[in-house]
Amino acid sequence: MATLTLMTELADTGKRLDVYLSEYSEGFSRSYAAKLIDEGRVAVGGKSVKRSYKLSGEEEISVDLPDLKPLEVPAEDIPLDIVYEDGDVLVVNKPRGMVVHPAAGHSSGTLVNAVLFHCGGQLSGINGVLRPGIVHRIDRDTTGLIMIAKNDAAHQSLAAQLKEHSVTRRYLAVVQGRLQEDEGTVDRPIGRDKRNRLRMAPDEENGKHAVTHYKVLERFARHTLIECRLETGRTHQIRVHMASLGHPLLGDVLYGAAPVKWGTEGQCLHAAVIGFVHPKTGDYLEFTAAMPEDMQKVIAKLRSET
């Protein structure tokens, strides 16, 4: 059994313990955090507390992570586009249509199924049985780079970098309409949409801090190609933030855009660049993945309309 040790900051004062733990890693769900607390596996200052415990800042939290149970998720021999791999980290260029981890309606064919086969089951166990190795996620119809931890030490390092906003993440996106400003920043908290549980929405009262920086790369007749740089990594962050500006991503019908009639299905969003400090060597690594062919076809079509 491994023990995870975290140190809270003054900025965490007043935050619920289960919420704090769920923010430790993008793949560390609040329900999983609550389960660990309820089982007595979490201590604050050496004492067991309830999931509703409010942090006072600068406290030491220890989490006794349970040993992984025999996996209920089958390893599947699914081809992977591997950009980088060593004994600690795997970087994969995820195709459109692939879900990152098993969930309701997606028990197979996910990135986790494929990575389990590739790595022989040797992945970090911090996020539990269904999300081994998963430090962060990208949406099913978003293509591009995702980093995966092969062991718990690597997971803790990568998750800490994500929490500190030091991981480089740049996306390419096509939005509806012509953005007037050459660059800008959206700083709006994001939470679950109260009217549609499939959506996220700006939520100033209860949402999580979310910041997206964007700049225009190319303007078309009725669309714009932009690059987005993430400070935070909330669910659907770029999709929500751009829709809040009145410029939803092309093909993103969930957030009000029209479907693409040619070239691709789903939103035009690609995780093009990821960079991080290697958990063991301390070297900064950065990787780039070319825009997928279907998105290139969309842009070629848009250029022909200008």
Protein backbone atom coordinates (compact mmCIF):
# COMPACT_ATOMS: atom_id res chain seq x y z
CA MET A 1 0.00 0.00 0.00
CA ALA A 2 1.41 3.39 -1.03
CA THR A 3 0.99 6.62 0.94
CA LEU A 4 0.39 9.95 -0.80
CA THR A 5 1.47 13.04 1.16
CA LEU A 6 0.13 16.50 0.27
CA MET A 7 0.69 19.91 1.83
CA THR A 8 -2.12 22.44 1.59
CA GLU A 9 -1.57 26.16 1.05
CA LEU A 10 -3.20 29.23 2.59
CA ALA A 11 -5.20 29.62 -0.62
CA ASP A 12 -6.91 26.30 0.21
CA THR A 13 -8.35 27.66 3.47
CA GLY A 14 -12.06 26.89 3.77
CA LYS A 15 -12.06 24.26 1.03
CA ARG A 16 -13.73 20.92 1.71
CA LEU A 17 -11.33 18.01 2.03
CA ASP A 18 -13.03 15.90 -0.65
CA VAL A 19 -13.03 18.85 -3.04
CA TYR A 20 -9.33 19.51 -2.40
CA LEU A 21 -8.42 15.88 -3.07
CA SER A 22 -10.51 15.81 -6.25
CA GLU A 23 -8.50 18.79 -7.52
CA TYR A 24 -5.20 17.03 -6.86
CA SER A 25 -5.40 15.27 -10.20
CA GLU A 26 -7.80 15.74 -13.10
CA GLY A 27 -8.41 12.00 -13.06
CA PHE A 28 -8.92 11.82 -9.26
CA SER A 29 -12.73 12.00 -9.01
CA ARG A 30 -14.56 13.52 -6.06
CA SER A 31 -16.45 10.25 -5.50
CA TYR A 32 -13.15 8.36 -5.31
CA ALA A 33 -11.75 10.94 -2.88
CA ALA A 34 -14.88 10.66 -0.74
CA LYS A 35 -14.61 6.88 -0.73
CA LEU A 36 -11.02 7.03 0.56
CA ILE A 37 -12.04 9.48 3.31
CA ASP A 38 -15.03 7.37 4.36
CA GLU A 39 -12.79 4.30 4.58
CA GLY A 40 -10.50 6.15 7.01
CA ARG A 41 -7.60 6.26 4.57
CA VAL A 42 -7.17 10.05 4.75
CA ALA A 43 -5.69 11.94 7.69
CA VAL A 44 -5.17 15.67 8.21
CA GLY A 45 -2.41 16.47 10.65
CA GLY A 46 -2.38 12.80 11.60
CA LYS A 47 -6.08 12.69 12.48
CA SER A 48 -8.97 11.10 10.60
CA VAL A 49 -11.63 13.59 9.52
CA LYS A 50 -14.89 13.63 7.57
CA ARG A 51 -15.15 14.43 3.88
CA SER A 52 -16.82 17.77 4.79
CA TYR A 53 -13.81 18.86 6.86
CA LYS A 54 -12.83 22.44 5.98
CA LEU A 55 -9.11 23.03 5.46
CA SER A 56 -7.37 25.72 7.48
CA GLY A 57 -4.34 26.01 5.20
CA GLU A 58 -0.76 24.73 5.50
CA GLU A 59 -1.84 21.30 6.73
CA GLU A 60 -0.30 17.94 5.92
CA ILE A 61 -2.66 15.42 4.37
CA SER A 62 -1.75 11.75 4.12
CA VAL A 63 -3.67 9.35 1.90
CA ASP A 64 -3.17 5.59 2.23
CA LEU A 65 -3.85 4.36 -1.28
CA PRO A 66 -5.37 0.86 -1.43
CA ASP A 67 -3.61 -1.81 -3.40
CA LEU A 68 -5.10 -2.17 -6.85
CA LYS A 69 -7.69 -4.91 -7.09
CA PRO A 70 -7.50 -7.32 -10.01
CA LEU A 71 -8.50 -5.17 -12.94
CA GLU A 72 -12.05 -5.43 -14.15
CA VAL A 73 -11.02 -3.44 -17.23
CA PRO A 74 -9.75 -5.76 -19.97
CA ALA A 75 -6.49 -5.02 -21.72
CA GLU A 76 -7.16 -4.68 -25.43
CA ASP A 77 -4.73 -4.80 -28.32
CA ILE A 78 -5.67 -1.43 -29.80
CA PRO A 79 -3.02 0.41 -31.88
CA LEU A 80 -1.56 3.48 -30.18
CA ASP A 81 0.21 6.48 -31.70
CA ILE A 82 3.04 6.70 -29.15
CA VAL A 83 4.94 9.97 -29.22
CA TYR A 84 7.25 9.25 -26.27
CA GLU A 85 7.81 6.44 -23.79
CA ASP A 86 10.21 5.51 -21.00
CA GLY A 87 9.94 3.64 -17.72
CA ASP A 88 7.94 6.42 -16.04
CA VAL A 89 5.89 8.28 -18.61
CA LEU A 90 3.96 7.56 -21.79
CA VAL A 91 2.77 10.29 -24.19
CA VAL A 92 0.08 9.26 -26.67
CA ASN A 93 -1.54 11.08 -29.58
CA LYS A 94 -5.21 10.15 -29.01
CA PRO A 95 -7.46 9.78 -32.07
CA ARG A 96 -10.91 11.28 -32.41
CA GLY A 97 -13.70 9.10 -31.03
CA MET A 98 -11.63 7.34 -28.35
CA VAL A 99 -12.78 7.74 -24.74
CA VAL A 100 -9.91 8.11 -22.25
CA HIS A 101 -11.16 5.79 -19.49
CA PRO A 102 -14.04 3.35 -18.98
CA ALA A 103 -17.36 4.82 -17.89
CA ALA A 104 -21.05 4.11 -18.34
CA GLY A 105 -21.57 3.08 -21.94
CA HIS A 106 -17.84 2.81 -22.65
CA SER A 107 -16.46 -0.30 -20.95
CA SER A 108 -14.08 -1.18 -23.78
CA GLY A 109 -12.20 0.45 -26.61
CA THR A 110 -10.89 3.21 -24.36
CA LEU A 111 -7.38 4.59 -24.08
CA VAL A 112 -7.03 2.82 -20.72
CA ASN A 113 -7.88 -0.54 -22.34
CA ALA A 114 -5.23 0.07 -24.98
CA VAL A 115 -2.55 1.31 -22.56
CA LEU A 116 -3.12 -1.61 -20.19
CA PHE A 117 -2.30 -3.98 -23.03
CA HIS A 118 0.71 -1.96 -24.18
CA CYS A 119 2.17 -1.60 -20.67
CA GLY A 120 1.28 -5.08 -19.44
CA GLY A 121 -0.84 -3.58 -16.66
CA GLN A 122 2.09 -1.62 -15.17
CA LEU A 123 0.49 1.78 -14.52
CA SER A 124 0.04 4.09 -11.54
CA GLY A 125 -2.79 3.14 -9.21
CA ILE A 126 -3.52 6.51 -7.62
CA ASN A 127 -6.76 7.03 -9.54
CA GLY A 128 -8.13 3.58 -8.84
CA VAL A 129 -9.00 0.54 -10.90
CA LEU A 130 -10.88 2.23 -13.73
CA ARG A 131 -8.37 5.02 -14.35
CA PRO A 132 -4.89 3.52 -13.94
CA GLY A 133 -2.18 5.91 -15.12
CA ILE A 134 -4.61 8.69 -15.98
CA VAL A 135 -3.35 12.07 -14.77
CA HIS A 136 -5.49 14.26 -17.04
CA ARG A 137 -8.07 13.77 -19.76
CA ILE A 138 -9.22 15.11 -23.09
CA ASP A 139 -12.70 14.68 -24.52
CA ARG A 140 -13.71 11.76 -26.72
CA ASP A 141 -13.87 13.85 -29.91
CA THR A 142 -10.82 15.95 -29.06
CA THR A 143 -7.64 14.67 -30.66
CA GLY A 144 -4.07 15.03 -29.51
CA LEU A 145 -1.55 14.58 -26.75
CA ILE A 146 -2.14 13.06 -23.35
CA MET A 147 0.48 12.03 -20.77
CA ILE A 148 0.13 8.82 -18.75
CA ALA A 149 1.95 7.82 -15.56
CA LYS A 150 3.45 4.35 -15.37
CA ASN A 151 3.99 4.42 -11.60
CA ASP A 152 2.77 6.29 -8.54
CA ALA A 153 5.88 8.46 -8.19
CA ALA A 154 5.49 9.70 -11.76
CA HIS A 155 1.78 10.26 -11.17
CA GLN A 156 2.41 12.40 -8.09
CA SER A 157 4.98 14.51 -9.94
CA LEU A 158 2.82 15.09 -13.02
CA ALA A 159 -0.30 15.78 -10.94
CA ALA A 160 1.62 18.33 -8.84
CA GLN A 161 2.76 20.09 -12.01
CA LEU A 162 -0.82 20.24 -13.25
CA LYS A 163 -1.97 21.68 -9.92
CA GLU A 164 0.78 24.30 -10.10
CA HIS A 165 -0.23 25.15 -13.70
CA SER A 166 3.32 24.51 -14.89
CA VAL A 167 2.44 21.94 -17.58
CA THR A 168 2.46 23.41 -21.09
CA ARG A 169 -0.79 22.64 -22.91
CA ARG A 170 -1.60 24.30 -26.21
CA TYR A 171 -4.60 23.43 -28.36
CA LEU A 172 -5.65 24.28 -31.90
CA ALA A 173 -9.34 25.04 -32.38
CA VAL A 174 -11.69 26.31 -35.06
CA VAL A 175 -14.47 28.53 -33.71
CA GLN A 176 -17.60 29.87 -35.33
CA GLY A 177 -17.49 33.53 -36.27
CA ARG A 178 -14.58 35.92 -36.77
CA LEU A 179 -12.84 36.88 -33.54
CA GLN A 180 -12.06 40.60 -33.61
CA GLU A 181 -9.27 40.62 -31.02
CA ASP A 182 -5.94 39.06 -32.00
CA GLU A 183 -5.60 37.57 -28.53
CA GLY A 184 -7.35 37.47 -25.20
CA THR A 185 -7.95 35.66 -21.91
CA VAL A 186 -11.11 34.08 -20.52
CA ASP A 187 -11.05 33.92 -16.72
CA ARG A 188 -14.39 32.39 -15.70
CA PRO A 189 -15.07 29.61 -13.16
CA ILE A 190 -16.68 26.48 -14.58
CA GLY A 191 -19.17 24.12 -12.97
CA ARG A 192 -21.78 21.55 -13.96
CA ASP A 193 -24.67 23.03 -15.96
CA LYS A 194 -27.70 22.87 -13.65
CA ARG A 195 -30.11 22.44 -16.59
CA ASN A 196 -28.14 19.84 -18.55
CA ARG A 197 -25.85 17.42 -16.70
CA LEU A 198 -24.00 16.61 -19.93
CA ARG A 199 -22.77 20.18 -20.17
CA MET A 200 -20.49 22.40 -18.13
CA ALA A 201 -21.18 26.13 -17.78
CA PRO A 202 -19.69 29.35 -16.39
CA ASP A 203 -20.50 29.41 -12.69
CA GLU A 204 -19.27 32.42 -10.70
CA GLU A 205 -20.63 31.13 -7.38
CA ASN A 206 -19.75 27.43 -7.25
CA GLY A 207 -17.52 26.80 -10.27
CA LYS A 208 -13.85 25.89 -10.24
CA HIS A 209 -11.23 28.45 -11.24
CA ALA A 210 -10.61 28.26 -14.99
CA VAL A 211 -8.36 30.35 -17.24
CA THR A 212 -7.86 30.04 -21.01
CA HIS A 213 -5.54 32.24 -23.09
CA TYR A 214 -6.19 32.39 -26.83
CA LYS A 215 -4.69 33.99 -29.91
CA VAL A 216 -5.85 34.15 -33.50
CA LEU A 217 -3.81 32.19 -36.03
CA GLU A 218 -6.00 32.65 -39.12
CA ARG A 219 -9.36 34.21 -39.99
CA PHE A 220 -11.75 32.80 -42.55
CA ALA A 221 -15.01 34.14 -43.95
CA ARG A 222 -17.16 32.98 -41.03
CA HIS A 223 -14.73 31.10 -38.76
CA THR A 224 -11.43 31.59 -36.94
CA LEU A 225 -8.49 29.27 -36.26
CA ILE A 226 -7.07 29.91 -32.81
CA GLU A 227 -4.45 28.56 -30.43
CA CYS A 228 -5.54 28.13 -26.82
CA ARG A 229 -3.15 27.85 -23.89
CA LEU A 230 -4.55 26.34 -20.71
CA GLU A 231 -3.66 27.56 -17.24
CA THR A 232 -6.18 25.20 -15.69
CA GLY A 233 -7.72 22.02 -17.06
CA ARG A 234 -11.41 21.91 -16.25
CA THR A 235 -13.84 19.59 -18.01
CA HIS A 236 -14.78 21.04 -21.44
CA GLN A 237 -12.84 24.21 -20.51
CA ILE A 238 -12.00 25.52 -23.99
CA ARG A 239 -15.42 24.52 -25.30
CA VAL A 240 -17.22 26.35 -22.47
CA HIS A 241 -15.02 29.44 -22.52
CA MET A 242 -15.22 30.00 -26.27
CA ALA A 243 -18.98 29.39 -26.28
CA SER A 244 -19.30 31.98 -23.49
CA LEU A 245 -17.74 34.52 -25.88
CA GLY A 246 -20.33 33.68 -28.52
CA HIS A 247 -17.80 31.65 -30.53
CA PRO A 248 -18.46 27.93 -29.93
CA LEU A 249 -16.09 25.44 -31.50
CA LEU A 250 -17.05 24.37 -34.99
CA GLY A 251 -18.92 21.06 -34.76
CA ASP A 252 -19.55 21.34 -31.02
CA VAL A 253 -23.33 20.83 -31.04
CA LEU A 254 -23.39 20.37 -27.23
CA TYR A 255 -22.45 24.05 -26.86
CA GLY A 256 -24.59 25.52 -29.60
CA ALA A 257 -22.53 25.09 -32.75
CA ALA A 258 -23.80 23.64 -36.00
CA PRO A 259 -22.52 20.17 -36.97
CA VAL A 260 -19.73 20.02 -39.55
CA LYS A 261 -21.19 18.96 -42.87
CA TRP A 262 -17.86 17.87 -44.25
CA GLY A 263 -14.51 16.60 -43.03
CA THR A 264 -15.08 15.48 -39.44
CA GLU A 265 -17.48 14.71 -36.60
CA GLY A 266 -17.44 16.44 -33.23
CA GLN A 267 -15.70 19.62 -32.16
CA CYS A 268 -12.66 20.92 -34.06
CA LEU A 269 -10.20 20.78 -31.16
CA HIS A 270 -6.70 19.30 -31.11
CA ALA A 271 -4.23 19.05 -28.20
CA ALA A 272 -1.18 20.00 -30.22
CA VAL A 273 1.53 20.61 -27.61
CA ILE A 274 2.28 19.21 -24.17
CA GLY A 275 5.33 19.93 -22.05
CA PHE A 276 6.34 18.91 -18.52
CA VAL A 277 9.30 18.27 -16.24
CA HIS A 278 10.23 14.60 -16.29
CA PRO A 279 9.37 13.04 -12.90
CA LYS A 280 12.75 11.30 -12.55
CA THR A 281 15.36 13.22 -14.57
CA GLY A 282 14.09 16.75 -13.94
CA ASP A 283 14.49 17.59 -17.63
CA TYR A 284 11.81 19.63 -19.37
CA LEU A 285 10.23 17.67 -22.21
CA GLU A 286 7.90 19.08 -24.85
CA PHE A 287 6.06 17.24 -27.60
CA THR A 288 4.03 18.31 -30.62
CA ALA A 289 1.39 16.41 -32.60
CA ALA A 290 0.33 17.49 -36.06
CA MET A 291 -3.30 18.40 -36.63
CA PRO A 292 -5.30 15.31 -37.68
CA GLU A 293 -6.12 14.89 -41.35
CA ASP A 294 -9.86 15.43 -40.91
CA MET A 295 -9.31 18.79 -39.20
CA GLN A 296 -6.83 19.78 -41.91
CA LYS A 297 -9.55 19.08 -44.48
CA VAL A 298 -11.97 21.32 -42.59
CA ILE A 299 -9.46 24.17 -42.61
CA ALA A 300 -8.75 23.68 -46.32
CA LYS A 301 -12.49 23.95 -46.97
CA LEU A 302 -12.74 27.12 -44.88
CA ARG A 303 -9.82 28.68 -46.76
CA SER A 304 -11.57 28.01 -50.06
CA GLU A 305 -14.58 30.01 -48.83
CA THR A 306 -12.63 33.19 -48.03
